[in-house]
């Protein structure tokens, strides 16, 4: 195993009703990397900076990232989350979430005389540009992703006449294209690597000349977290993933753990959702968090586990992660003045 170990003792340990297997050693395998990716960090900071720079309210179209704690924290600071651009009053500032939006949303903001900050993850923007390029070359684009996910909606909107959604390998049989010789696949960035490649293999079975994008669409952070959880799962009786249920990459982490050796796995928003019955007969607990989860929530789970005897923590770090993205360029402008000018126009 790769990693180091440390001890985390709770301030007020409690007796636990759960018992590990006879003679067992209670330990937590803490996956790394975990938590915030560069795109999420950029998006959250963008909202915080906008609030500091321009003052409240700052409107955000959809959840800036898929995490309840993050959204509630930003709401307390003055962010207002809306489902549609039309809900934002004229002359205000609106931020587009890390998942990206379709060109029609930018048009709606323009009509609504809104100043905009685009916090789309640069890796999602890359997929958008690929969709536009392949559409211009008149390819049929097979977008692997989950129906209704905000990222899929945004990407599909870049080339609606050329994109067909493929929601997993079982959906491949429903795909129809104009020319089997001119087909390319793209994908949602937060999918399971394994499931995506299974879908690609099935598509290639139908379309042998299927073109792959110039680089893997699944983001580095999603891949790194799945790599780490696979290593953790191989030794864990129970895997806990901190993340919200509408977070695709968090859900995929649990699924990945269960298919790579973990005997049990659960997704929780925070320590309050943990259940002591899950600890029965458990020695080794694996712990990770989705790419939109702040570390404070992981610390809460570690504290909860330490209070019940799982206070030995080993870091499992199969890969290093150093990616950073610059903040949206709009934060370098006076958006309040720009919005006022739009109202006067």
C-alpha atoms as a PDB file:
ATOM      1  CA  UNK A   1       0.000   0.000   0.000  1.00  0.00           C
ATOM      2  CA  UNK A   2       1.146   3.523  -0.808  1.00  0.00           C
ATOM      3  CA  UNK A   3       0.831   6.076   1.940  1.00  0.00           C
ATOM      4  CA  UNK A   4       1.615   7.255   5.439  1.00  0.00           C
ATOM      5  CA  UNK A   5      -0.289   6.829   8.668  1.00  0.00           C
ATOM      6  CA  UNK A   6      -1.335   9.028  11.555  1.00  0.00           C
ATOM      7  CA  UNK A   7      -3.545   8.960  14.619  1.00  0.00           C
ATOM      8  CA  UNK A   8      -6.688  11.062  15.098  1.00  0.00           C
ATOM      9  CA  UNK A   9      -8.136  10.857  18.590  1.00  0.00           C
ATOM     10  CA  UNK A  10     -11.549  12.304  19.413  1.00  0.00           C
ATOM     11  CA  UNK A  11     -11.841  14.867  22.194  1.00  0.00           C
ATOM     12  CA  UNK A  12     -14.803  13.070  23.720  1.00  0.00           C
ATOM     13  CA  UNK A  13     -14.703   9.388  22.728  1.00  0.00           C
ATOM     14  CA  UNK A  14     -17.899   7.418  23.105  1.00  0.00           C
ATOM     15  CA  UNK A  15     -18.406   3.729  23.660  1.00  0.00           C
ATOM     16  CA  UNK A  16     -19.483   2.010  20.500  1.00  0.00           C
ATOM     17  CA  UNK A  17     -22.139  -0.645  20.173  1.00  0.00           C
ATOM     18  CA  UNK A  18     -20.469  -2.014  17.048  1.00  0.00           C
ATOM     19  CA  UNK A  19     -17.735  -4.618  17.296  1.00  0.00           C
ATOM     20  CA  UNK A  20     -15.126  -5.458  14.669  1.00  0.00           C
ATOM     21  CA  UNK A  21     -14.392  -8.998  13.630  1.00  0.00           C
ATOM     22  CA  UNK A  22     -12.670 -11.052  16.328  1.00  0.00           C
ATOM     23  CA  UNK A  23      -9.067  -9.987  16.772  1.00  0.00           C
ATOM     24  CA  UNK A  24      -9.516  -7.276  14.169  1.00  0.00           C
ATOM     25  CA  UNK A  25      -7.607  -4.027  13.820  1.00  0.00           C
ATOM     26  CA  UNK A  26      -9.766  -0.953  13.435  1.00  0.00           C
ATOM     27  CA  UNK A  27      -8.385   1.421  10.835  1.00  0.00           C
ATOM     28  CA  UNK A  28      -9.501   3.972   8.257  1.00  0.00           C
ATOM     29  CA  UNK A  29      -7.990   4.022   4.780  1.00  0.00           C
ATOM     30  CA  UNK A  30      -8.261   7.661   3.718  1.00  0.00           C
ATOM     31  CA  UNK A  31      -8.167   8.068  -0.050  1.00  0.00           C
ATOM     32  CA  UNK A  32      -6.077  10.780  -1.662  1.00  0.00           C
ATOM     33  CA  UNK A  33      -6.699  12.705  -3.807  1.00  0.00           C
ATOM     34  CA  UNK A  34     -10.236  13.431  -2.594  1.00  0.00           C
ATOM     35  CA  UNK A  35     -12.529  16.419  -2.259  1.00  0.00           C
ATOM     36  CA  UNK A  36     -12.299  19.678  -4.159  1.00  0.00           C
ATOM     37  CA  UNK A  37     -10.948  19.534  -7.696  1.00  0.00           C
ATOM     38  CA  UNK A  38      -9.476  22.586  -9.421  1.00  0.00           C
ATOM     39  CA  UNK A  39     -12.702  23.328 -11.304  1.00  0.00           C
ATOM     40  CA  UNK A  40     -14.843  23.260  -8.158  1.00  0.00           C
ATOM     41  CA  UNK A  41     -12.320  25.323  -6.215  1.00  0.00           C
ATOM     42  CA  UNK A  42     -12.324  27.906  -9.018  1.00  0.00           C
ATOM     43  CA  UNK A  43     -16.124  28.074  -9.124  1.00  0.00           C
ATOM     44  CA  UNK A  44     -16.607  28.430  -5.367  1.00  0.00           C
ATOM     45  CA  UNK A  45     -13.892  31.088  -5.112  1.00  0.00           C
ATOM     46  CA  UNK A  46     -15.511  32.909  -8.050  1.00  0.00           C
ATOM     47  CA  UNK A  47     -18.757  33.278  -6.065  1.00  0.00           C
ATOM     48  CA  UNK A  48     -16.900  34.352  -2.919  1.00  0.00           C
ATOM     49  CA  UNK A  49     -14.796  36.894  -4.830  1.00  0.00           C
ATOM     50  CA  UNK A  50     -17.846  38.264  -6.631  1.00  0.00           C
ATOM     51  CA  UNK A  51     -19.607  38.801  -3.305  1.00  0.00           C
ATOM     52  CA  UNK A  52     -16.546  40.586  -1.913  1.00  0.00           C
ATOM     53  CA  UNK A  53     -15.963  42.648  -5.051  1.00  0.00           C
ATOM     54  CA  UNK A  54     -19.495  43.583  -6.085  1.00  0.00           C
ATOM     55  CA  UNK A  55     -21.522  43.012  -2.925  1.00  0.00           C
ATOM     56  CA  UNK A  56     -24.679  40.980  -2.410  1.00  0.00           C
ATOM     57  CA  UNK A  57     -26.795  39.858  -3.984  1.00  0.00           C
ATOM     58  CA  UNK A  58     -24.956  37.733  -6.516  1.00  0.00           C
ATOM     59  CA  UNK A  59     -27.193  35.372  -8.448  1.00  0.00           C
ATOM     60  CA  UNK A  60     -26.041  31.875  -9.407  1.00  0.00           C
ATOM     61  CA  UNK A  61     -27.803  29.824 -12.057  1.00  0.00           C
ATOM     62  CA  UNK A  62     -28.220  26.323 -10.626  1.00  0.00           C
ATOM     63  CA  UNK A  63     -26.063  25.054  -7.786  1.00  0.00           C
ATOM     64  CA  UNK A  64     -22.536  26.345  -8.334  1.00  0.00           C
ATOM     65  CA  UNK A  65     -21.380  22.788  -7.524  1.00  0.00           C
ATOM     66  CA  UNK A  66     -23.375  19.762  -6.411  1.00  0.00           C
ATOM     67  CA  UNK A  67     -22.919  19.978  -2.652  1.00  0.00           C
ATOM     68  CA  UNK A  68     -25.531  21.063  -0.110  1.00  0.00           C
ATOM     69  CA  UNK A  69     -23.036  22.392   2.428  1.00  0.00           C
ATOM     70  CA  UNK A  70     -21.261  24.572  -0.136  1.00  0.00           C
ATOM     71  CA  UNK A  71     -24.534  25.984  -1.479  1.00  0.00           C
ATOM     72  CA  UNK A  72     -25.891  26.747   2.006  1.00  0.00           C
ATOM     73  CA  UNK A  73     -22.610  28.402   3.044  1.00  0.00           C
ATOM     74  CA  UNK A  74     -22.658  30.667  -0.015  1.00  0.00           C
ATOM     75  CA  UNK A  75     -26.328  31.513   0.530  1.00  0.00           C
ATOM     76  CA  UNK A  76     -25.446  32.779   4.011  1.00  0.00           C
ATOM     77  CA  UNK A  77     -22.881  35.096   2.415  1.00  0.00           C
ATOM     78  CA  UNK A  78     -25.417  36.589   0.004  1.00  0.00           C
ATOM     79  CA  UNK A  79     -25.565  34.289  -3.025  1.00  0.00           C
ATOM     80  CA  UNK A  80     -29.021  33.629  -4.470  1.00  0.00           C
ATOM     81  CA  UNK A  81     -29.423  30.393  -6.413  1.00  0.00           C
ATOM     82  CA  UNK A  82     -31.988  30.257  -9.198  1.00  0.00           C
ATOM     83  CA  UNK A  83     -33.041  27.551 -11.609  1.00  0.00           C
ATOM     84  CA  UNK A  84     -33.496  29.730 -14.693  1.00  0.00           C
ATOM     85  CA  UNK A  85     -31.845  32.898 -15.976  1.00  0.00           C
ATOM     86  CA  UNK A  86     -35.240  34.622 -16.262  1.00  0.00           C
ATOM     87  CA  UNK A  87     -35.489  34.612 -12.459  1.00  0.00           C
ATOM     88  CA  UNK A  88     -32.598  37.093 -12.191  1.00  0.00           C
ATOM     89  CA  UNK A  89     -33.750  40.758 -12.065  1.00  0.00           C
ATOM     90  CA  UNK A  90     -32.556  43.031 -14.860  1.00  0.00           C
ATOM     91  CA  UNK A  91     -29.229  44.719 -14.277  1.00  0.00           C
ATOM     92  CA  UNK A  92     -27.945  42.128 -11.800  1.00  0.00           C
ATOM     93  CA  UNK A  93     -24.914  39.840 -11.877  1.00  0.00           C
ATOM     94  CA  UNK A  94     -25.369  36.117 -12.538  1.00  0.00           C
ATOM     95  CA  UNK A  95     -22.758  33.376 -12.314  1.00  0.00           C
ATOM     96  CA  UNK A  96     -22.965  30.248 -14.434  1.00  0.00           C
ATOM     97  CA  UNK A  97     -22.103  27.071 -12.531  1.00  0.00           C
ATOM     98  CA  UNK A  98     -19.078  24.817 -12.965  1.00  0.00           C
ATOM     99  CA  UNK A  99     -21.180  22.389 -15.027  1.00  0.00           C
ATOM    100  CA  UNK A 100     -21.466  24.786 -17.964  1.00  0.00           C
ATOM    101  CA  UNK A 101     -24.445  26.164 -19.887  1.00  0.00           C
ATOM    102  CA  UNK A 102     -25.707  26.088 -23.444  1.00  0.00           C
ATOM    103  CA  UNK A 103     -25.288  29.110 -25.763  1.00  0.00           C
ATOM    104  CA  UNK A 104     -29.024  29.818 -25.398  1.00  0.00           C
ATOM    105  CA  UNK A 105     -28.446  30.618 -21.722  1.00  0.00           C
ATOM    106  CA  UNK A 106     -25.870  33.264 -22.630  1.00  0.00           C
ATOM    107  CA  UNK A 107     -28.473  34.697 -25.040  1.00  0.00           C
ATOM    108  CA  UNK A 108     -31.073  34.780 -22.253  1.00  0.00           C
ATOM    109  CA  UNK A 109     -28.658  36.689 -20.014  1.00  0.00           C
ATOM    110  CA  UNK A 110     -28.005  39.200 -22.773  1.00  0.00           C
ATOM    111  CA  UNK A 111     -31.723  39.771 -23.288  1.00  0.00           C
ATOM    112  CA  UNK A 112     -32.171  40.159 -19.539  1.00  0.00           C
ATOM    113  CA  UNK A 113     -29.458  42.865 -19.468  1.00  0.00           C
ATOM    114  CA  UNK A 114     -27.426  40.819 -16.993  1.00  0.00           C
ATOM    115  CA  UNK A 115     -23.720  40.974 -16.273  1.00  0.00           C
ATOM    116  CA  UNK A 116     -22.361  37.430 -16.323  1.00  0.00           C
ATOM    117  CA  UNK A 117     -19.487  35.494 -14.780  1.00  0.00           C
ATOM    118  CA  UNK A 118     -18.815  32.160 -16.424  1.00  0.00           C
ATOM    119  CA  UNK A 119     -17.499  29.696 -13.815  1.00  0.00           C
ATOM    120  CA  UNK A 120     -17.685  26.709 -16.163  1.00  0.00           C
ATOM    121  CA  UNK A 121     -14.887  24.252 -15.435  1.00  0.00           C
ATOM    122  CA  UNK A 122     -12.214  24.636 -18.146  1.00  0.00           C
ATOM    123  CA  UNK A 123     -12.344  20.880 -18.747  1.00  0.00           C
ATOM    124  CA  UNK A 124     -16.068  21.114 -19.488  1.00  0.00           C
ATOM    125  CA  UNK A 125     -15.353  24.062 -21.781  1.00  0.00           C
ATOM    126  CA  UNK A 126     -12.914  21.810 -23.643  1.00  0.00           C
ATOM    127  CA  UNK A 127     -15.722  19.320 -24.318  1.00  0.00           C
ATOM    128  CA  UNK A 128     -17.967  22.176 -25.496  1.00  0.00           C
ATOM    129  CA  UNK A 129     -15.319  23.279 -27.986  1.00  0.00           C
ATOM    130  CA  UNK A 130     -14.905  19.724 -29.234  1.00  0.00           C
ATOM    131  CA  UNK A 131     -18.667  19.478 -29.789  1.00  0.00           C
ATOM    132  CA  UNK A 132     -18.685  22.718 -31.801  1.00  0.00           C
ATOM    133  CA  UNK A 133     -15.701  21.628 -33.901  1.00  0.00           C
ATOM    134  CA  UNK A 134     -17.109  18.200 -34.756  1.00  0.00           C
ATOM    135  CA  UNK A 135     -20.515  19.676 -35.537  1.00  0.00           C
ATOM    136  CA  UNK A 136     -18.894  22.095 -37.991  1.00  0.00           C
ATOM    137  CA  UNK A 137     -17.266  19.078 -39.651  1.00  0.00           C
ATOM    138  CA  UNK A 138     -20.768  17.494 -39.815  1.00  0.00           C
ATOM    139  CA  UNK A 139     -20.046  14.533 -37.536  1.00  0.00           C
ATOM    140  CA  UNK A 140     -22.742  12.730 -35.596  1.00  0.00           C
ATOM    141  CA  UNK A 141     -21.634  13.213 -31.978  1.00  0.00           C
ATOM    142  CA  UNK A 142     -22.469  10.484 -29.472  1.00  0.00           C
ATOM    143  CA  UNK A 143     -22.381  12.093 -26.029  1.00  0.00           C
ATOM    144  CA  UNK A 144     -21.932   9.545 -23.259  1.00  0.00           C
ATOM    145  CA  UNK A 145     -23.610  10.852 -20.121  1.00  0.00           C
ATOM    146  CA  UNK A 146     -26.622  10.836 -17.849  1.00  0.00           C
ATOM    147  CA  UNK A 147     -29.880  12.302 -19.102  1.00  0.00           C
ATOM    148  CA  UNK A 148     -30.861  15.471 -17.266  1.00  0.00           C
ATOM    149  CA  UNK A 149     -27.434  16.196 -15.797  1.00  0.00           C
ATOM    150  CA  UNK A 150     -26.615  19.912 -16.092  1.00  0.00           C
ATOM    151  CA  UNK A 151     -23.307  19.257 -17.810  1.00  0.00           C
ATOM    152  CA  UNK A 152     -24.984  17.077 -20.445  1.00  0.00           C
ATOM    153  CA  UNK A 153     -27.655  19.732 -21.050  1.00  0.00           C
ATOM    154  CA  UNK A 154     -24.973  22.392 -21.520  1.00  0.00           C
ATOM    155  CA  UNK A 155     -22.844  20.307 -23.877  1.00  0.00           C
ATOM    156  CA  UNK A 156     -25.845  19.168 -25.916  1.00  0.00           C
ATOM    157  CA  UNK A 157     -26.845  22.777 -26.365  1.00  0.00           C
ATOM    158  CA  UNK A 158     -23.594  23.535 -28.191  1.00  0.00           C
ATOM    159  CA  UNK A 159     -24.659  21.385 -31.155  1.00  0.00           C
ATOM    160  CA  UNK A 160     -28.228  20.133 -30.626  1.00  0.00           C
ATOM    161  CA  UNK A 161     -28.691  18.990 -34.222  1.00  0.00           C
ATOM    162  CA  UNK A 162     -25.590  16.792 -34.132  1.00  0.00           C
ATOM    163  CA  UNK A 163     -25.550  15.326 -30.603  1.00  0.00           C
ATOM    164  CA  UNK A 164     -27.213  12.102 -29.496  1.00  0.00           C
ATOM    165  CA  UNK A 165     -27.093  11.189 -25.802  1.00  0.00           C
ATOM    166  CA  UNK A 166     -25.937   7.675 -24.950  1.00  0.00           C
ATOM    167  CA  UNK A 167     -26.846   6.919 -21.343  1.00  0.00           C
ATOM    168  CA  UNK A 168     -24.662   3.903 -20.629  1.00  0.00           C
ATOM    169  CA  UNK A 169     -23.853   0.686 -22.524  1.00  0.00           C
ATOM    170  CA  UNK A 170     -27.458  -0.538 -22.466  1.00  0.00           C
ATOM    171  CA  UNK A 171     -28.497   2.533 -24.458  1.00  0.00           C
ATOM    172  CA  UNK A 172     -26.144   1.791 -27.369  1.00  0.00           C
ATOM    173  CA  UNK A 173     -28.737  -0.355 -29.128  1.00  0.00           C
ATOM    174  CA  UNK A 174     -30.991   2.690 -29.456  1.00  0.00           C
ATOM    175  CA  UNK A 175     -28.413   4.829 -31.262  1.00  0.00           C
ATOM    176  CA  UNK A 176     -29.017   5.809 -34.879  1.00  0.00           C
ATOM    177  CA  UNK A 177     -26.584   7.853 -36.987  1.00  0.00           C
ATOM    178  CA  UNK A 178     -26.663   9.303 -40.492  1.00  0.00           C
ATOM    179  CA  UNK A 179     -23.277   8.024 -41.619  1.00  0.00           C
ATOM    180  CA  UNK A 180     -21.478   5.208 -39.716  1.00  0.00           C
ATOM    181  CA  UNK A 181     -18.213   6.448 -41.229  1.00  0.00           C
ATOM    182  CA  UNK A 182     -18.515   9.860 -39.618  1.00  0.00           C
ATOM    183  CA  UNK A 183     -19.207   9.356 -35.922  1.00  0.00           C
ATOM    184  CA  UNK A 184     -17.331  10.610 -32.855  1.00  0.00           C
ATOM    185  CA  UNK A 185     -17.884  10.103 -29.132  1.00  0.00           C
ATOM    186  CA  UNK A 186     -17.585  12.655 -26.328  1.00  0.00           C
ATOM    187  CA  UNK A 187     -18.447  12.221 -22.666  1.00  0.00           C
ATOM    188  CA  UNK A 188     -19.645  13.904 -19.507  1.00  0.00           C
ATOM    189  CA  UNK A 189     -16.541  14.633 -17.445  1.00  0.00           C
ATOM    190  CA  UNK A 190     -17.747  13.125 -14.148  1.00  0.00           C
ATOM    191  CA  UNK A 191     -18.579   9.578 -15.240  1.00  0.00           C
ATOM    192  CA  UNK A 192     -17.096   6.305 -14.091  1.00  0.00           C
ATOM    193  CA  UNK A 193     -14.047   5.596 -16.232  1.00  0.00           C
ATOM    194  CA  UNK A 194     -14.916   1.889 -16.388  1.00  0.00           C
ATOM    195  CA  UNK A 195     -18.539   2.405 -17.406  1.00  0.00           C
ATOM    196  CA  UNK A 196     -17.586   4.984 -20.012  1.00  0.00           C
ATOM    197  CA  UNK A 197     -15.100   2.656 -21.665  1.00  0.00           C
ATOM    198  CA  UNK A 198     -17.683  -0.133 -21.571  1.00  0.00           C
ATOM    199  CA  UNK A 199     -20.040   2.180 -23.452  1.00  0.00           C
ATOM    200  CA  UNK A 200     -17.294   3.133 -25.915  1.00  0.00           C
ATOM    201  CA  UNK A 201     -16.534  -0.554 -26.543  1.00  0.00           C
ATOM    202  CA  UNK A 202     -20.208  -1.219 -27.246  1.00  0.00           C
ATOM    203  CA  UNK A 203     -20.362   1.747 -29.622  1.00  0.00           C
ATOM    204  CA  UNK A 204     -17.259   0.566 -31.457  1.00  0.00           C
ATOM    205  CA  UNK A 205     -18.937  -2.799 -31.867  1.00  0.00           C
ATOM    206  CA  UNK A 206     -21.661  -1.057 -33.878  1.00  0.00           C
ATOM    207  CA  UNK A 207     -19.460   1.598 -35.491  1.00  0.00           C
ATOM    208  CA  UNK A 208     -15.926   0.262 -36.066  1.00  0.00           C
ATOM    209  CA  UNK A 209     -14.764   3.627 -37.439  1.00  0.00           C
ATOM    210  CA  UNK A 210     -15.973   5.534 -34.380  1.00  0.00           C
ATOM    211  CA  UNK A 211     -13.633   8.458 -33.774  1.00  0.00           C
ATOM    212  CA  UNK A 212     -12.342   9.195 -30.266  1.00  0.00           C
ATOM    213  CA  UNK A 213     -11.833  12.756 -29.009  1.00  0.00           C
ATOM    214  CA  UNK A 214      -8.246  14.067 -29.088  1.00  0.00           C
ATOM    215  CA  UNK A 215      -8.002  13.676 -25.315  1.00  0.00           C
ATOM    216  CA  UNK A 216      -9.960  11.773 -22.692  1.00  0.00           C
ATOM    217  CA  UNK A 217     -13.021  13.794 -21.703  1.00  0.00           C
ATOM    218  CA  UNK A 218     -13.292  12.300 -18.213  1.00  0.00           C
ATOM    219  CA  UNK A 219     -11.547  14.841 -16.028  1.00  0.00           C
ATOM    220  CA  UNK A 220      -8.264  14.205 -14.243  1.00  0.00           C
ATOM    221  CA  UNK A 221      -9.917  14.636 -10.813  1.00  0.00           C
ATOM    222  CA  UNK A 222     -12.636  12.081 -11.505  1.00  0.00           C
ATOM    223  CA  UNK A 223     -10.028   9.580 -12.699  1.00  0.00           C
ATOM    224  CA  UNK A 224      -7.697  10.244  -9.757  1.00  0.00           C
ATOM    225  CA  UNK A 225     -10.446   9.812  -7.171  1.00  0.00           C
ATOM    226  CA  UNK A 226     -11.611   6.599  -8.812  1.00  0.00           C
ATOM    227  CA  UNK A 227      -8.038   5.277  -8.923  1.00  0.00           C
ATOM    228  CA  UNK A 228      -7.654   5.940  -5.201  1.00  0.00           C
ATOM    229  CA  UNK A 229     -11.023   4.430  -4.250  1.00  0.00           C
ATOM    230  CA  UNK A 230     -10.218   1.250  -6.194  1.00  0.00           C
ATOM    231  CA  UNK A 231      -7.067   0.766  -4.126  1.00  0.00           C
ATOM    232  CA  UNK A 232      -8.923   1.510  -0.896  1.00  0.00           C
ATOM    233  CA  UNK A 233     -11.852  -0.758  -1.784  1.00  0.00           C
ATOM    234  CA  UNK A 234      -9.587  -3.757  -2.304  1.00  0.00           C
ATOM    235  CA  UNK A 235      -8.874  -3.789   1.467  1.00  0.00           C
ATOM    236  CA  UNK A 236     -12.041  -2.265   2.933  1.00  0.00           C
ATOM    237  CA  UNK A 237     -14.998  -3.961   4.602  1.00  0.00           C
ATOM    238  CA  UNK A 238     -16.940  -0.712   4.369  1.00  0.00           C
ATOM    239  CA  UNK A 239     -16.426   2.326   2.122  1.00  0.00           C
ATOM    240  CA  UNK A 240     -17.882   5.720   2.991  1.00  0.00           C
ATOM    241  CA  UNK A 241     -17.997   8.503   0.407  1.00  0.00           C
ATOM    242  CA  UNK A 242     -18.839  12.035   1.478  1.00  0.00           C
ATOM    243  CA  UNK A 243     -20.904  13.808  -1.147  1.00  0.00           C
ATOM    244  CA  UNK A 244     -24.405  14.870  -2.141  1.00  0.00           C
ATOM    245  CA  UNK A 245     -26.700  12.516  -4.000  1.00  0.00           C
ATOM    246  CA  UNK A 246     -27.010  14.841  -6.987  1.00  0.00           C
ATOM    247  CA  UNK A 247     -23.220  14.742  -7.423  1.00  0.00           C
ATOM    248  CA  UNK A 248     -22.495  12.363 -10.286  1.00  0.00           C
ATOM    249  CA  UNK A 249     -18.831  11.865  -9.439  1.00  0.00           C
ATOM    250  CA  UNK A 250     -19.670  11.109  -5.775  1.00  0.00           C
ATOM    251  CA  UNK A 251     -22.253   8.484  -6.743  1.00  0.00           C
ATOM    252  CA  UNK A 252     -19.744   6.928  -9.142  1.00  0.00           C
ATOM    253  CA  UNK A 253     -17.173   6.627  -6.311  1.00  0.00           C
ATOM    254  CA  UNK A 254     -19.517   4.413  -4.304  1.00  0.00           C
ATOM    255  CA  UNK A 255     -20.303   2.306  -7.362  1.00  0.00           C
ATOM    256  CA  UNK A 256     -16.604   1.965  -8.156  1.00  0.00           C
ATOM    257  CA  UNK A 257     -15.813   0.874  -4.597  1.00  0.00           C
ATOM    258  CA  UNK A 258     -18.511  -1.806  -4.624  1.00  0.00           C
ATOM    259  CA  UNK A 259     -17.265  -3.237  -7.923  1.00  0.00           C
ATOM    260  CA  UNK A 260     -13.628  -3.304  -6.772  1.00  0.00           C
ATOM    261  CA  UNK A 261     -13.771  -5.254  -3.546  1.00  0.00           C
ATOM    262  CA  UNK A 262     -15.623  -3.262  -0.902  1.00  0.00           C
ATOM    263  CA  UNK A 263     -18.170  -5.393   0.959  1.00  0.00           C
ATOM    264  CA  UNK A 264     -20.433  -2.420   1.670  1.00  0.00           C
ATOM    265  CA  UNK A 265     -20.566   1.234   0.653  1.00  0.00           C
ATOM    266  CA  UNK A 266     -22.599   4.352   1.444  1.00  0.00           C
ATOM    267  CA  UNK A 267     -22.833   7.942   0.235  1.00  0.00           C
ATOM    268  CA  UNK A 268     -23.385  10.524   2.988  1.00  0.00           C
ATOM    269  CA  UNK A 269     -23.609  14.314   2.980  1.00  0.00           C
ATOM    270  CA  UNK A 270     -21.971  14.552   6.389  1.00  0.00           C
ATOM    271  CA  UNK A 271     -21.327  12.709   9.659  1.00  0.00           C
ATOM    272  CA  UNK A 272     -24.949  13.172  10.766  1.00  0.00           C
ATOM    273  CA  UNK A 273     -26.040  10.643   8.145  1.00  0.00           C
ATOM    274  CA  UNK A 274     -23.737   7.880   9.393  1.00  0.00           C
ATOM    275  CA  UNK A 275     -25.310   4.760  10.906  1.00  0.00           C
ATOM    276  CA  UNK A 276     -23.596   2.721  13.630  1.00  0.00           C
ATOM    277  CA  UNK A 277     -25.166  -0.488  12.323  1.00  0.00           C
ATOM    278  CA  UNK A 278     -22.895  -0.185   9.278  1.00  0.00           C
ATOM    279  CA  UNK A 279     -19.912  -0.821  11.583  1.00  0.00           C
ATOM    280  CA  UNK A 280     -20.963  -4.305  12.703  1.00  0.00           C
ATOM    281  CA  UNK A 281     -18.197  -6.809  11.924  1.00  0.00           C
ATOM    282  CA  UNK A 282     -16.120  -4.124  10.212  1.00  0.00           C
ATOM    283  CA  UNK A 283     -12.355  -3.794  10.659  1.00  0.00           C
ATOM    284  CA  UNK A 284     -11.212  -1.600   7.774  1.00  0.00           C
ATOM    285  CA  UNK A 285     -13.185   1.424   6.615  1.00  0.00           C
ATOM    286  CA  UNK A 286     -12.361   3.220   3.390  1.00  0.00           C
ATOM    287  CA  UNK A 287     -13.131   6.939   3.198  1.00  0.00           C
ATOM    288  CA  UNK A 288     -13.173   9.369   0.290  1.00  0.00           C
ATOM    289  CA  UNK A 289     -15.140  12.388  -0.902  1.00  0.00           C
ATOM    290  CA  UNK A 290     -16.478  13.708  -4.169  1.00  0.00           C
ATOM    291  CA  UNK A 291     -14.853  16.499  -6.146  1.00  0.00           C
ATOM    292  CA  UNK A 292     -17.275  19.132  -4.799  1.00  0.00           C
ATOM    293  CA  UNK A 293     -16.828  18.315  -1.104  1.00  0.00           C
ATOM    294  CA  UNK A 294     -14.936  20.611   1.320  1.00  0.00           C
ATOM    295  CA  UNK A 295     -12.495  18.876   3.649  1.00  0.00           C
ATOM    296  CA  UNK A 296     -14.355  20.014   6.771  1.00  0.00           C
ATOM    297  CA  UNK A 297     -17.056  17.421   6.012  1.00  0.00           C
ATOM    298  CA  UNK A 298     -14.462  14.635   5.767  1.00  0.00           C
ATOM    299  CA  UNK A 299     -12.969  15.774   9.082  1.00  0.00           C
ATOM    300  CA  UNK A 300     -16.407  15.411  10.644  1.00  0.00           C
ATOM    301  CA  UNK A 301     -16.660  11.792   9.481  1.00  0.00           C
ATOM    302  CA  UNK A 302     -13.148  11.037  10.763  1.00  0.00           C
ATOM    303  CA  UNK A 303     -14.082  12.467  14.147  1.00  0.00           C
ATOM    304  CA  UNK A 304     -17.273  10.392  14.253  1.00  0.00           C
ATOM    305  CA  UNK A 305     -15.320   7.232  13.430  1.00  0.00           C
ATOM    306  CA  UNK A 306     -12.568   8.030  15.941  1.00  0.00           C
ATOM    307  CA  UNK A 307     -15.165   8.359  18.699  1.00  0.00           C
ATOM    308  CA  UNK A 308     -16.182   4.788  17.934  1.00  0.00           C
ATOM    309  CA  UNK A 309     -12.694   3.306  17.903  1.00  0.00           C
ATOM    310  CA  UNK A 310     -11.599   3.828  14.294  1.00  0.00           C
ATOM    311  CA  UNK A 311      -8.885   6.363  15.157  1.00  0.00           C
ATOM    312  CA  UNK A 312      -6.009   4.854  13.179  1.00  0.00           C
ATOM    313  CA  UNK A 313      -5.843   6.556   9.770  1.00  0.00           C
ATOM    314  CA  UNK A 314      -3.712   5.478   6.818  1.00  0.00           C
ATOM    315  CA  UNK A 315      -3.442   7.730   3.767  1.00  0.00           C
ATOM    316  CA  UNK A 316      -3.768   5.890   0.455  1.00  0.00           C
ATOM    317  CA  UNK A 317      -2.275   8.069  -2.272  1.00  0.00           C
ATOM    318  CA  UNK A 318      -1.680   6.282  -5.581  1.00  0.00           C
ATOM    319  CA  UNK A 319      -1.419   9.528  -7.584  1.00  0.00           C
ATOM    320  CA  UNK A 320      -0.402  13.142  -6.995  1.00  0.00           C
ATOM    321  CA  UNK A 321      -2.620  16.046  -8.005  1.00  0.00           C
ATOM    322  CA  UNK A 322      -1.435  19.607  -8.586  1.00  0.00           C
ATOM    323  CA  UNK A 323      -3.884  21.101 -11.113  1.00  0.00           C
ATOM    324  CA  UNK A 324      -4.981  24.725 -10.695  1.00  0.00           C
ATOM    325  CA  UNK A 325      -7.146  27.017 -12.851  1.00  0.00           C
ATOM    326  CA  UNK A 326      -7.135  30.799 -13.021  1.00  0.00           C
ATOM    327  CA  UNK A 327     -10.285  32.628 -11.931  1.00  0.00           C
ATOM    328  CA  UNK A 328     -12.883  33.782 -14.510  1.00  0.00           C
ATOM    329  CA  UNK A 329     -11.698  36.869 -16.368  1.00  0.00           C
ATOM    330  CA  UNK A 330     -14.924  38.726 -15.546  1.00  0.00           C
ATOM    331  CA  UNK A 331     -13.733  39.164 -11.960  1.00  0.00           C
ATOM    332  CA  UNK A 332     -11.169  41.624 -13.283  1.00  0.00           C
ATOM    333  CA  UNK A 333     -13.884  44.009 -14.519  1.00  0.00           C
ATOM    334  CA  UNK A 334     -16.435  46.341 -12.918  1.00  0.00           C
ATOM    335  CA  UNK A 335     -19.529  44.265 -13.567  1.00  0.00           C
ATOM    336  CA  UNK A 336     -21.874  46.486 -11.577  1.00  0.00           C
ATOM    337  CA  UNK A 337     -21.083  49.375 -13.931  1.00  0.00           C
ATOM    338  CA  UNK A 338     -21.483  47.099 -16.961  1.00  0.00           C
ATOM    339  CA  UNK A 339     -24.900  45.940 -15.743  1.00  0.00           C
ATOM    340  CA  UNK A 340     -26.001  49.553 -15.168  1.00  0.00           C
ATOM    341  CA  UNK A 341     -24.918  50.490 -18.685  1.00  0.00           C
ATOM    342  CA  UNK A 342     -27.003  47.620 -20.092  1.00  0.00           C
ATOM    343  CA  UNK A 343     -30.049  48.941 -18.243  1.00  0.00           C
ATOM    344  CA  UNK A 344     -29.562  52.411 -19.692  1.00  0.00           C
ATOM    345  CA  UNK A 345     -29.064  51.078 -23.221  1.00  0.00           C
END
